[in-house]
Amino acid sequence: MSLSFEGVTLAYDELIALDNLNLHVASGEALAVIGPSGCGKSSMLRLAAGLAQPSAGTVAVDGKTLAGPRQETALILQDYGLLPWKTALANAELGLVIQGVSADERRQRALSALKRVDLEAFAQSYPRQLSGGMQQRLALARALALDATMLLMDEPLSALDALLREELQNTLLTCWQEKRYTQVLVTHSIEEAVFLGQRIVVMAPRPGRVVACLDNPQMGSLDYRNEEAFFAQCRAVRSALEGGARS
């Protein structure tokens, strides 16, 4: 599913979060969005998820104006959005319950998704019994169970330690390569944006606008972090961020 922002402005009373945003995400593309706090990155995801409507302009999925949430779009937030009173299996099933999927099918799909992220053995555990990394994998399993055509992520790994963060970045990359859903990741991490984005959108401070869009053609290998091209791309993103801050 493609995603388009055409002349999108989003204002909260007198505060302009996004200003004349024009951006197209191709079907199956992995896009990373990076910029300073308050530049409208999270607002962009809310619009893409159909949870907010632009003050001006249009947000479209596959060329159709988005009027509200889509069942085929999965959103992973920084706090994971897990229900503490439900087991891991029940959390993984939640989106399928909303979709009206039968009990047998949603159990099968949820268990398959938990297996995909190495949580099958914890199906009957509650979120409080899981580590931060396991909770993140559970949030991803819920998205995978939906068989979503679009995955939106708002700084989902920011609370994790460095090695666990890299491990889950690997999981996100592998899942995207297998499923080829359209993926939009919002992050504050230059290295994360370069590792997970086929293109990297750099945004300027509020009001949010795109100041650079960098192609990242060598993204896709689990060994990319060790290559000189990775470090060169990180330097390019850092330079774009510094330039945007001065603009």
Protein backbone atom coordinates (compact mmCIF):
# COMPACT_ATOMS: atom_id res chain seq x y z
CA MET A 1 0.00 0.00 0.00
CA SER A 2 1.40 3.40 -0.96
CA LEU A 3 1.09 6.38 1.38
CA SER A 4 0.98 10.01 0.26
CA PHE A 5 0.96 13.37 2.00
CA GLU A 6 -0.04 16.15 -0.38
CA GLY A 7 0.22 19.73 0.87
CA VAL A 8 -0.52 18.55 4.42
CA THR A 9 -0.68 21.10 7.20
CA LEU A 10 -1.63 20.10 10.73
CA ALA A 11 -2.36 22.76 13.35
CA TYR A 12 -3.35 22.45 17.00
CA ASP A 13 -5.06 25.79 17.67
CA GLU A 14 -2.26 28.27 16.88
CA LEU A 15 0.52 25.69 16.98
CA ILE A 16 1.51 24.42 13.52
CA ALA A 17 2.88 20.87 13.81
CA LEU A 18 3.29 20.21 10.07
CA ASP A 19 3.57 22.80 7.33
CA ASN A 20 2.79 21.93 3.68
CA LEU A 21 4.17 18.40 3.90
CA ASN A 22 4.59 16.60 0.57
CA LEU A 23 5.82 13.04 0.76
CA HIS A 24 5.18 9.76 -1.07
CA VAL A 25 5.98 6.32 0.34
CA ALA A 26 5.89 3.56 -2.28
CA SER A 27 4.12 0.27 -1.66
CA GLY A 28 6.47 -2.07 0.19
CA GLU A 29 9.01 0.66 0.93
CA ALA A 30 10.76 1.03 4.29
CA LEU A 31 10.96 4.72 5.19
CA ALA A 32 12.73 6.18 8.21
CA VAL A 33 11.82 9.64 9.51
CA ILE A 34 14.23 11.54 11.75
CA GLY A 35 14.27 15.03 13.18
CA PRO A 36 14.39 17.01 16.42
CA SER A 37 11.74 16.72 19.11
CA GLY A 38 8.58 18.64 18.28
CA CYS A 39 9.09 18.59 14.50
CA GLY A 40 5.83 16.73 13.81
CA LYS A 41 7.13 13.18 13.32
CA SER A 42 4.54 11.61 15.63
CA SER A 43 1.82 13.83 14.15
CA MET A 44 2.74 12.46 10.72
CA LEU A 45 2.19 8.91 11.97
CA ARG A 46 -1.15 9.81 13.55
CA LEU A 47 -2.27 11.15 10.18
CA ALA A 48 -1.00 8.05 8.38
CA ALA A 49 -2.88 5.84 10.85
CA GLY A 50 -6.11 7.79 10.29
CA LEU A 51 -6.18 8.89 13.93
CA ALA A 52 -6.09 12.58 13.00
CA GLN A 53 -7.20 14.64 10.02
CA PRO A 54 -5.07 17.34 8.37
CA SER A 55 -5.99 20.98 8.73
CA ALA A 56 -5.20 21.34 5.02
CA GLY A 57 -4.11 18.98 2.27
CA THR A 58 -4.78 15.26 1.92
CA VAL A 59 -3.39 11.99 3.24
CA ALA A 60 -4.02 9.09 0.88
CA VAL A 61 -3.44 5.33 0.88
CA ASP A 62 -3.20 3.80 -2.59
CA GLY A 63 -4.52 7.05 -3.99
CA LYS A 64 -7.66 7.10 -1.82
CA THR A 65 -8.07 9.86 0.75
CA LEU A 66 -7.77 8.46 4.25
CA ALA A 67 -10.88 9.26 6.26
CA GLY A 68 -10.16 7.15 9.36
CA PRO A 69 -8.24 4.13 10.69
CA ARG A 70 -7.66 1.15 8.37
CA GLN A 71 -7.85 -2.42 9.63
CA GLU A 72 -4.78 -3.25 7.53
CA THR A 73 -2.59 -0.60 9.22
CA ALA A 74 -0.67 -1.50 12.38
CA LEU A 75 0.71 1.15 14.72
CA ILE A 76 3.40 0.43 17.31
CA LEU A 77 3.92 3.14 19.92
CA GLN A 78 6.84 3.80 22.24
CA ASP A 79 4.91 2.38 25.21
CA TYR A 80 3.91 -0.69 23.10
CA GLY A 81 0.18 -0.25 23.85
CA LEU A 82 -0.13 -3.64 25.59
CA LEU A 83 -3.06 -4.44 27.87
CA PRO A 84 -1.60 -5.49 31.25
CA TRP A 85 -4.57 -7.67 32.21
CA LYS A 86 -4.32 -9.83 29.07
CA THR A 87 -1.83 -12.60 28.34
CA ALA A 88 0.73 -12.33 25.57
CA LEU A 89 -1.48 -14.50 23.38
CA ALA A 90 -4.56 -12.35 24.07
CA ASN A 91 -2.56 -9.19 23.35
CA ALA A 92 -1.36 -10.68 20.06
CA GLU A 93 -4.98 -11.53 19.19
CA LEU A 94 -6.37 -8.09 20.04
CA GLY A 95 -6.40 -6.62 16.54
CA LEU A 96 -7.96 -9.79 15.17
CA VAL A 97 -10.73 -9.59 17.78
CA ILE A 98 -11.49 -6.05 16.59
CA GLN A 99 -11.58 -7.34 13.02
CA GLY A 100 -14.09 -10.04 13.98
CA VAL A 101 -11.82 -12.98 13.12
CA SER A 102 -13.04 -16.32 14.48
CA ALA A 103 -11.52 -17.61 17.71
CA ASP A 104 -9.76 -20.57 16.11
CA GLU A 105 -8.23 -18.52 13.30
CA ARG A 106 -7.08 -15.68 15.51
CA ARG A 107 -5.44 -18.12 17.95
CA GLN A 108 -3.61 -19.80 15.10
CA ARG A 109 -2.45 -16.51 13.60
CA ALA A 110 -1.44 -15.07 16.98
CA LEU A 111 0.55 -18.18 17.92
CA SER A 112 2.28 -18.11 14.54
CA ALA A 113 3.21 -14.45 15.09
CA LEU A 114 4.49 -15.17 18.61
CA LYS A 115 6.63 -17.97 17.21
CA ARG A 116 8.00 -15.62 14.58
CA VAL A 117 9.35 -13.30 17.31
CA ASP A 118 10.48 -16.12 19.64
CA LEU A 119 7.72 -15.62 22.22
CA GLU A 120 5.72 -18.81 21.68
CA ALA A 121 6.84 -20.17 25.05
CA PHE A 122 5.49 -17.04 26.78
CA ALA A 123 1.99 -17.14 25.28
CA GLN A 124 0.34 -17.37 28.70
CA SER A 125 2.58 -14.77 30.38
CA TYR A 126 1.40 -11.25 31.19
CA PRO A 127 3.21 -8.10 30.06
CA ARG A 128 4.53 -7.42 33.58
CA GLN A 129 6.27 -10.79 33.43
CA LEU A 130 8.10 -9.89 30.21
CA SER A 131 11.25 -7.82 29.80
CA GLY A 132 11.18 -4.58 27.81
CA GLY A 133 12.57 -6.35 24.75
CA MET A 134 9.99 -9.12 25.03
CA GLN A 135 7.20 -6.56 25.33
CA GLN A 136 8.49 -4.89 22.15
CA ARG A 137 8.51 -8.24 20.35
CA LEU A 138 4.94 -8.82 21.57
CA ALA A 139 3.86 -5.49 20.08
CA LEU A 140 5.45 -6.57 16.81
CA ALA A 141 3.73 -9.96 16.99
CA ARG A 142 0.35 -8.22 17.32
CA ALA A 143 1.13 -6.28 14.13
CA LEU A 144 2.30 -9.41 12.30
CA ALA A 145 -0.83 -11.33 13.33
CA LEU A 146 -2.92 -8.69 11.59
CA ASP A 147 -1.11 -9.43 8.33
CA ALA A 148 -0.93 -5.64 7.99
CA THR A 149 -0.10 -4.01 4.68
CA MET A 150 1.32 -0.97 6.48
CA LEU A 151 3.37 -0.84 9.67
CA LEU A 152 3.85 2.50 11.44
CA MET A 153 6.28 2.76 14.35
CA ASP A 154 6.83 5.70 16.69
CA GLU A 155 10.24 5.33 18.38
CA PRO A 156 9.44 1.76 19.42
CA LEU A 157 12.98 0.85 20.53
CA SER A 158 14.07 4.01 22.31
CA ALA A 159 13.78 2.59 25.84
CA LEU A 160 16.00 -0.44 25.18
CA ASP A 161 19.70 -0.94 25.80
CA ALA A 162 22.07 -0.78 22.83
CA LEU A 163 22.57 -4.50 22.14
CA LEU A 164 18.90 -5.41 22.60
CA ARG A 165 17.96 -2.47 20.39
CA GLU A 166 20.21 -3.82 17.62
CA GLU A 167 18.74 -7.32 18.05
CA LEU A 168 15.20 -6.00 17.58
CA GLN A 169 16.29 -3.83 14.67
CA ASN A 170 17.44 -7.08 13.07
CA THR A 171 14.03 -8.61 13.77
CA LEU A 172 12.23 -5.63 12.23
CA LEU A 173 14.44 -5.80 9.14
CA THR A 174 13.92 -9.54 8.69
CA CYS A 175 10.13 -9.31 9.14
CA TRP A 176 9.89 -6.47 6.63
CA GLN A 177 12.00 -8.39 4.11
CA GLU A 178 9.75 -11.43 4.47
CA LYS A 179 6.38 -9.62 4.39
CA ARG A 180 7.23 -6.51 2.32
CA TYR A 181 4.59 -4.35 3.95
CA THR A 182 4.95 -0.59 3.71
CA GLN A 183 6.93 0.51 6.76
CA VAL A 184 7.35 3.98 8.28
CA LEU A 185 9.66 4.28 11.28
CA VAL A 186 9.98 7.46 13.34
CA THR A 187 13.23 7.58 15.31
CA HIS A 188 15.70 9.92 16.99
CA SER A 189 18.58 7.54 16.25
CA ILE A 190 20.70 8.23 13.17
CA GLU A 191 22.07 4.68 13.17
CA GLU A 192 18.57 3.18 13.44
CA ALA A 193 17.28 5.32 10.58
CA VAL A 194 20.19 4.26 8.36
CA PHE A 195 19.86 0.58 9.25
CA LEU A 196 16.08 0.37 8.67
CA GLY A 197 15.30 2.97 6.02
CA GLN A 198 15.54 2.51 2.26
CA ARG A 199 15.00 6.25 2.30
CA ILE A 200 15.62 8.58 5.19
CA VAL A 201 13.47 11.68 5.56
CA VAL A 202 15.07 14.45 7.60
CA MET A 203 12.71 17.00 9.13
CA ALA A 204 13.36 20.53 10.36
CA PRO A 205 12.26 21.94 13.73
CA ARG A 206 8.66 23.07 14.10
CA PRO A 207 6.77 23.76 12.00
CA GLY A 208 7.59 20.32 10.61
CA ARG A 209 8.73 20.16 7.03
CA VAL A 210 11.05 17.93 5.00
CA VAL A 211 14.54 19.38 4.54
CA ALA A 212 16.22 16.31 3.01
CA CYS A 213 15.32 12.88 1.64
CA LEU A 214 18.31 10.57 1.36
CA ASP A 215 18.35 7.34 -0.63
CA ASN A 216 19.96 4.44 1.22
CA PRO A 217 20.36 1.73 -1.45
CA GLN A 218 22.71 -0.53 0.51
CA MET A 219 20.29 -0.97 3.40
CA GLY A 220 19.00 -4.52 3.83
CA SER A 221 21.95 -6.55 5.11
CA LEU A 222 22.29 -7.56 8.75
CA ASP A 223 26.01 -6.77 8.36
CA TYR A 224 25.36 -3.25 7.07
CA ARG A 225 26.37 -1.69 10.40
CA ASN A 226 29.96 -2.86 9.82
CA GLU A 227 30.32 -1.43 6.33
CA GLU A 228 31.94 1.87 5.41
CA ALA A 229 28.82 2.79 3.41
CA PHE A 230 26.81 2.67 6.65
CA PHE A 231 29.12 5.13 8.40
CA ALA A 232 29.15 7.40 5.35
CA GLN A 233 25.34 7.42 5.28
CA CYS A 234 25.24 8.20 9.02
CA ARG A 235 27.51 11.19 8.37
CA ALA A 236 25.22 12.36 5.57
CA VAL A 237 22.13 12.15 7.79
CA ARG A 238 23.91 13.99 10.61
CA SER A 239 24.92 16.74 8.19
CA ALA A 240 21.33 17.04 6.95
CA LEU A 241 20.04 17.29 10.53
CA GLU A 242 22.54 20.01 11.35
CA GLY A 243 21.60 21.88 8.18
CA GLY A 244 17.89 21.58 8.99
CA ALA A 245 18.46 22.95 12.48
CA ARG A 246 20.06 26.06 10.97
CA SER A 247 17.40 26.59 8.29
